[in-house]
Amino acid sequence: MALNELTHLDHNDRPQMVDVSDKAITTRTATASCIVQLGTELMHDFHNGDLVTKKGSVLQTATIAGIMGAKRTPDLIPMCHPIGLEKVNIDISPEGESSLKVSCTCKITSKTGVEMEALTGASTAALTIYDMCKSKNPSIVISQLQLVEKRGGKSDFNRA
């Protein structure tokens, strides 16, 4: 892709926010995910689907943090449009014997997509898990942050 094909650069290669004023309003969804590698010992500490630490419930706190992260995306990513998210869903589930999979799905009816919000939500939830569990295992690894699917707008995408 040539530099002048990037949507966040104007014809003089200066940064710009994409003009979405002529785009159609459509329902747009995006799902992103990542893996939090906790290690088998720490995963065994999760009872009845959660781990309660001195800071509180790990998965409930991570879910709230992920929702908040998705909502604050334009404050973190300079070229993201401030949008009114209509839905944010965080799902955290076991992935094998030593990891958790964190997924974030965002939805809006708008002129712009929600891929960055989904990616930010998933990563914020994962970082919260790390923060709450690092005293038990400082070698936790967060990996494979990726867009899984997007629908609506100019084109759809599915990693499957």
C-alpha atoms as a PDB file:
ATOM      1  CA  MET A   1       0.000   0.000   0.000  1.00  0.00           C
ATOM      2  CA  ALA A   2       1.419   3.348  -1.003  1.00  0.00           C
ATOM      3  CA  LEU A   3       1.693   6.069   1.597  1.00  0.00           C
ATOM      4  CA  ASN A   4      -0.862   8.211  -0.262  1.00  0.00           C
ATOM      5  CA  GLU A   5      -3.430   5.388   0.022  1.00  0.00           C
ATOM      6  CA  LEU A   6      -3.590   5.616   3.811  1.00  0.00           C
ATOM      7  CA  THR A   7      -6.899   7.159   4.850  1.00  0.00           C
ATOM      8  CA  HIS A   8      -5.450   9.140   7.743  1.00  0.00           C
ATOM      9  CA  LEU A   9      -3.170  11.201   5.512  1.00  0.00           C
ATOM     10  CA  ASP A  10      -4.269  14.079   3.306  1.00  0.00           C
ATOM     11  CA  HIS A  11      -2.945  14.768  -0.215  1.00  0.00           C
ATOM     12  CA  ASN A  12       0.153  16.426   1.348  1.00  0.00           C
ATOM     13  CA  ASP A  13       0.817  13.389   3.586  1.00  0.00           C
ATOM     14  CA  ARG A  14      -0.290  15.268   6.706  1.00  0.00           C
ATOM     15  CA  PRO A  15      -2.294  13.501   9.415  1.00  0.00           C
ATOM     16  CA  GLN A  16      -6.046  13.941   9.228  1.00  0.00           C
ATOM     17  CA  MET A  17      -9.203  12.504  10.690  1.00  0.00           C
ATOM     18  CA  VAL A  18     -11.141  10.684   7.972  1.00  0.00           C
ATOM     19  CA  ASP A  19     -14.152  12.648   6.701  1.00  0.00           C
ATOM     20  CA  VAL A  20     -17.181  10.399   7.210  1.00  0.00           C
ATOM     21  CA  SER A  21     -19.799  13.053   6.447  1.00  0.00           C
ATOM     22  CA  ASP A  22     -20.816  11.461   3.119  1.00  0.00           C
ATOM     23  CA  LYS A  23     -20.927   7.886   4.411  1.00  0.00           C
ATOM     24  CA  ALA A  24     -24.202   6.062   4.925  1.00  0.00           C
ATOM     25  CA  ILE A  25     -25.486   5.394   8.413  1.00  0.00           C
ATOM     26  CA  THR A  26     -25.490   1.627   8.893  1.00  0.00           C
ATOM     27  CA  THR A  27     -25.387  -0.835  11.753  1.00  0.00           C
ATOM     28  CA  ARG A  28     -21.754  -1.719  12.356  1.00  0.00           C
ATOM     29  CA  THR A  29     -20.292  -4.372  14.643  1.00  0.00           C
ATOM     30  CA  ALA A  30     -16.768  -5.498  15.390  1.00  0.00           C
ATOM     31  CA  THR A  31     -15.300  -8.242  17.553  1.00  0.00           C
ATOM     32  CA  ALA A  32     -11.699  -8.374  18.735  1.00  0.00           C
ATOM     33  CA  SER A  33      -9.951 -10.882  20.948  1.00  0.00           C
ATOM     34  CA  CYS A  34      -6.691 -11.640  22.724  1.00  0.00           C
ATOM     35  CA  ILE A  35      -5.187 -14.350  24.887  1.00  0.00           C
ATOM     36  CA  VAL A  36      -4.012 -13.864  28.479  1.00  0.00           C
ATOM     37  CA  GLN A  37      -1.509 -16.594  29.331  1.00  0.00           C
ATOM     38  CA  LEU A  38      -1.736 -16.914  33.117  1.00  0.00           C
ATOM     39  CA  GLY A  39       0.045 -20.230  33.621  1.00  0.00           C
ATOM     40  CA  THR A  40      -1.551 -23.416  34.942  1.00  0.00           C
ATOM     41  CA  GLU A  41      -0.961 -22.621  38.621  1.00  0.00           C
ATOM     42  CA  LEU A  42      -2.744 -19.264  38.459  1.00  0.00           C
ATOM     43  CA  MET A  43      -5.537 -20.707  36.271  1.00  0.00           C
ATOM     44  CA  HIS A  44      -6.156 -23.302  39.003  1.00  0.00           C
ATOM     45  CA  ASP A  45      -6.803 -20.431  41.431  1.00  0.00           C
ATOM     46  CA  PHE A  46      -9.900 -19.494  39.432  1.00  0.00           C
ATOM     47  CA  HIS A  47     -12.834 -21.157  41.235  1.00  0.00           C
ATOM     48  CA  ASN A  48     -16.414 -21.152  39.978  1.00  0.00           C
ATOM     49  CA  GLY A  49     -15.330 -19.110  36.992  1.00  0.00           C
ATOM     50  CA  ASP A  50     -13.579 -16.249  38.803  1.00  0.00           C
ATOM     51  CA  LEU A  51     -10.752 -15.285  41.142  1.00  0.00           C
ATOM     52  CA  VAL A  52     -11.312 -12.827  43.964  1.00  0.00           C
ATOM     53  CA  THR A  53      -8.249 -10.840  45.009  1.00  0.00           C
ATOM     54  CA  LYS A  54      -7.719  -7.983  47.456  1.00  0.00           C
ATOM     55  CA  LYS A  55      -8.656  -5.728  44.524  1.00  0.00           C
ATOM     56  CA  GLY A  56     -11.952  -7.601  44.003  1.00  0.00           C
ATOM     57  CA  SER A  57     -13.348  -9.996  41.421  1.00  0.00           C
ATOM     58  CA  VAL A  58     -10.841 -10.312  38.573  1.00  0.00           C
ATOM     59  CA  LEU A  59     -13.248 -11.147  35.755  1.00  0.00           C
ATOM     60  CA  GLN A  60     -15.994  -8.753  36.819  1.00  0.00           C
ATOM     61  CA  THR A  61     -13.496  -5.919  37.180  1.00  0.00           C
ATOM     62  CA  ALA A  62     -11.902  -6.787  33.826  1.00  0.00           C
ATOM     63  CA  THR A  63     -15.318  -6.802  32.167  1.00  0.00           C
ATOM     64  CA  ILE A  64     -16.133  -3.337  33.496  1.00  0.00           C
ATOM     65  CA  ALA A  65     -12.671  -2.074  32.517  1.00  0.00           C
ATOM     66  CA  GLY A  66     -13.083  -3.461  28.997  1.00  0.00           C
ATOM     67  CA  ILE A  67     -16.402  -1.651  28.569  1.00  0.00           C
ATOM     68  CA  MET A  68     -14.868   1.570  29.889  1.00  0.00           C
ATOM     69  CA  GLY A  69     -11.845   1.149  27.594  1.00  0.00           C
ATOM     70  CA  ALA A  70     -14.032   0.741  24.528  1.00  0.00           C
ATOM     71  CA  LYS A  71     -15.965   3.882  25.462  1.00  0.00           C
ATOM     72  CA  ARG A  72     -12.729   5.891  25.889  1.00  0.00           C
ATOM     73  CA  THR A  73     -11.066   4.819  22.619  1.00  0.00           C
ATOM     74  CA  PRO A  74     -11.113   8.299  20.990  1.00  0.00           C
ATOM     75  CA  ASP A  75      -9.229   9.631  24.023  1.00  0.00           C
ATOM     76  CA  LEU A  76      -6.438   7.100  23.407  1.00  0.00           C
ATOM     77  CA  ILE A  77      -6.244   6.698  19.615  1.00  0.00           C
ATOM     78  CA  PRO A  78      -5.787  10.135  18.009  1.00  0.00           C
ATOM     79  CA  MET A  79      -7.676   9.630  14.719  1.00  0.00           C
ATOM     80  CA  CYS A  80     -10.695   7.761  16.115  1.00  0.00           C
ATOM     81  CA  HIS A  81     -14.027   9.514  15.847  1.00  0.00           C
ATOM     82  CA  PRO A  82     -15.862  10.079  19.124  1.00  0.00           C
ATOM     83  CA  ILE A  83     -18.924   7.865  18.770  1.00  0.00           C
ATOM     84  CA  GLY A  84     -21.888   6.847  20.898  1.00  0.00           C
ATOM     85  CA  LEU A  85     -21.473   3.113  21.327  1.00  0.00           C
ATOM     86  CA  GLU A  86     -24.800   1.315  21.514  1.00  0.00           C
ATOM     87  CA  LYS A  87     -23.457  -1.993  22.827  1.00  0.00           C
ATOM     88  CA  VAL A  88     -20.222  -3.317  24.295  1.00  0.00           C
ATOM     89  CA  ASN A  89     -19.956  -6.944  25.354  1.00  0.00           C
ATOM     90  CA  ILE A  90     -16.906  -8.434  27.036  1.00  0.00           C
ATOM     91  CA  ASP A  91     -16.575 -12.221  27.181  1.00  0.00           C
ATOM     92  CA  ILE A  92     -13.794 -13.883  29.167  1.00  0.00           C
ATOM     93  CA  SER A  93     -13.490 -17.650  29.000  1.00  0.00           C
ATOM     94  CA  PRO A  94     -10.884 -20.359  29.637  1.00  0.00           C
ATOM     95  CA  GLU A  95      -8.597 -21.134  26.704  1.00  0.00           C
ATOM     96  CA  GLY A  96      -6.897 -24.413  27.477  1.00  0.00           C
ATOM     97  CA  GLU A  97      -5.402 -25.138  30.886  1.00  0.00           C
ATOM     98  CA  SER A  98      -3.300 -22.022  31.283  1.00  0.00           C
ATOM     99  CA  SER A  99      -4.971 -19.128  29.478  1.00  0.00           C
ATOM    100  CA  LEU A 100      -8.049 -16.949  29.208  1.00  0.00           C
ATOM    101  CA  LYS A 101      -9.531 -15.682  25.958  1.00  0.00           C
ATOM    102  CA  VAL A 102     -10.849 -12.128  26.123  1.00  0.00           C
ATOM    103  CA  SER A 103     -13.321 -11.015  23.449  1.00  0.00           C
ATOM    104  CA  CYS A 104     -14.953  -7.635  22.968  1.00  0.00           C
ATOM    105  CA  THR A 105     -17.875  -6.966  20.638  1.00  0.00           C
ATOM    106  CA  CYS A 106     -18.988  -3.410  19.942  1.00  0.00           C
ATOM    107  CA  LYS A 107     -22.044  -2.211  18.036  1.00  0.00           C
ATOM    108  CA  ILE A 108     -23.220   1.131  16.698  1.00  0.00           C
ATOM    109  CA  THR A 109     -25.528   2.580  14.075  1.00  0.00           C
ATOM    110  CA  SER A 110     -23.307   5.238  12.562  1.00  0.00           C
ATOM    111  CA  LYS A 111     -21.168   6.461   9.658  1.00  0.00           C
ATOM    112  CA  THR A 112     -17.987   4.928  11.085  1.00  0.00           C
ATOM    113  CA  GLY A 113     -16.948   1.526  12.356  1.00  0.00           C
ATOM    114  CA  VAL A 114     -16.080   0.196  15.773  1.00  0.00           C
ATOM    115  CA  GLU A 115     -12.960  -1.918  15.144  1.00  0.00           C
ATOM    116  CA  MET A 116     -10.694   0.244  17.293  1.00  0.00           C
ATOM    117  CA  GLU A 117     -13.243   0.273  20.118  1.00  0.00           C
ATOM    118  CA  ALA A 118     -13.392  -3.549  20.076  1.00  0.00           C
ATOM    119  CA  LEU A 119      -9.585  -3.817  20.057  1.00  0.00           C
ATOM    120  CA  THR A 120      -9.275  -1.276  22.882  1.00  0.00           C
ATOM    121  CA  GLY A 121     -11.971  -3.014  24.935  1.00  0.00           C
ATOM    122  CA  ALA A 122     -10.308  -6.435  24.619  1.00  0.00           C
ATOM    123  CA  SER A 123      -6.859  -5.091  25.450  1.00  0.00           C
ATOM    124  CA  THR A 124      -8.102  -3.040  28.417  1.00  0.00           C
ATOM    125  CA  ALA A 125      -9.846  -6.079  29.900  1.00  0.00           C
ATOM    126  CA  ALA A 126      -6.679  -8.152  29.390  1.00  0.00           C
ATOM    127  CA  LEU A 127      -4.493  -5.485  31.003  1.00  0.00           C
ATOM    128  CA  THR A 128      -6.853  -5.406  33.981  1.00  0.00           C
ATOM    129  CA  ILE A 129      -6.499  -9.181  34.404  1.00  0.00           C
ATOM    130  CA  TYR A 130      -2.726  -8.719  34.303  1.00  0.00           C
ATOM    131  CA  ASP A 131      -2.857  -5.917  36.867  1.00  0.00           C
ATOM    132  CA  MET A 132      -5.003  -7.894  39.277  1.00  0.00           C
ATOM    133  CA  CYS A 133      -2.988 -11.130  38.973  1.00  0.00           C
ATOM    134  CA  LYS A 134       0.601  -9.927  38.563  1.00  0.00           C
ATOM    135  CA  SER A 135       1.425 -10.355  42.256  1.00  0.00           C
ATOM    136  CA  LYS A 136       0.803 -14.105  41.892  1.00  0.00           C
ATOM    137  CA  ASN A 137       2.528 -14.413  38.512  1.00  0.00           C
ATOM    138  CA  PRO A 138       4.472 -11.497  37.040  1.00  0.00           C
ATOM    139  CA  SER A 139       5.246 -13.507  33.880  1.00  0.00           C
ATOM    140  CA  ILE A 140       1.695 -13.296  32.490  1.00  0.00           C
ATOM    141  CA  VAL A 141       1.718 -12.759  28.719  1.00  0.00           C
ATOM    142  CA  ILE A 142      -0.961 -10.987  26.691  1.00  0.00           C
ATOM    143  CA  SER A 143      -0.854 -12.047  23.047  1.00  0.00           C
ATOM    144  CA  GLN A 144      -2.715 -12.397  19.765  1.00  0.00           C
ATOM    145  CA  LEU A 145      -4.689  -9.161  19.947  1.00  0.00           C
ATOM    146  CA  GLN A 146      -6.633  -9.171  16.691  1.00  0.00           C
ATOM    147  CA  LEU A 147      -9.754  -8.115  14.898  1.00  0.00           C
ATOM    148  CA  VAL A 148     -11.877 -11.253  14.563  1.00  0.00           C
ATOM    149  CA  GLU A 149     -14.849  -9.895  12.634  1.00  0.00           C
ATOM    150  CA  LYS A 150     -16.443  -6.683  11.427  1.00  0.00           C
ATOM    151  CA  ARG A 151     -19.768  -6.099   9.720  1.00  0.00           C
ATOM    152  CA  GLY A 152     -21.374  -3.052   8.181  1.00  0.00           C
ATOM    153  CA  GLY A 153     -19.878  -0.152   6.321  1.00  0.00           C
ATOM    154  CA  LYS A 154     -17.929  -0.512   3.080  1.00  0.00           C
ATOM    155  CA  SER A 155     -16.814  -4.106   3.614  1.00  0.00           C
ATOM    156  CA  ASP A 156     -17.175  -7.035   5.993  1.00  0.00           C
ATOM    157  CA  PHE A 157     -14.285  -9.009   7.454  1.00  0.00           C
ATOM    158  CA  ASN A 158     -14.129 -12.407   9.144  1.00  0.00           C
ATOM    159  CA  ARG A 159     -10.851 -13.955  10.263  1.00  0.00           C
ATOM    160  CA  ALA A 160     -12.353 -17.487  10.127  1.00  0.00           C
END
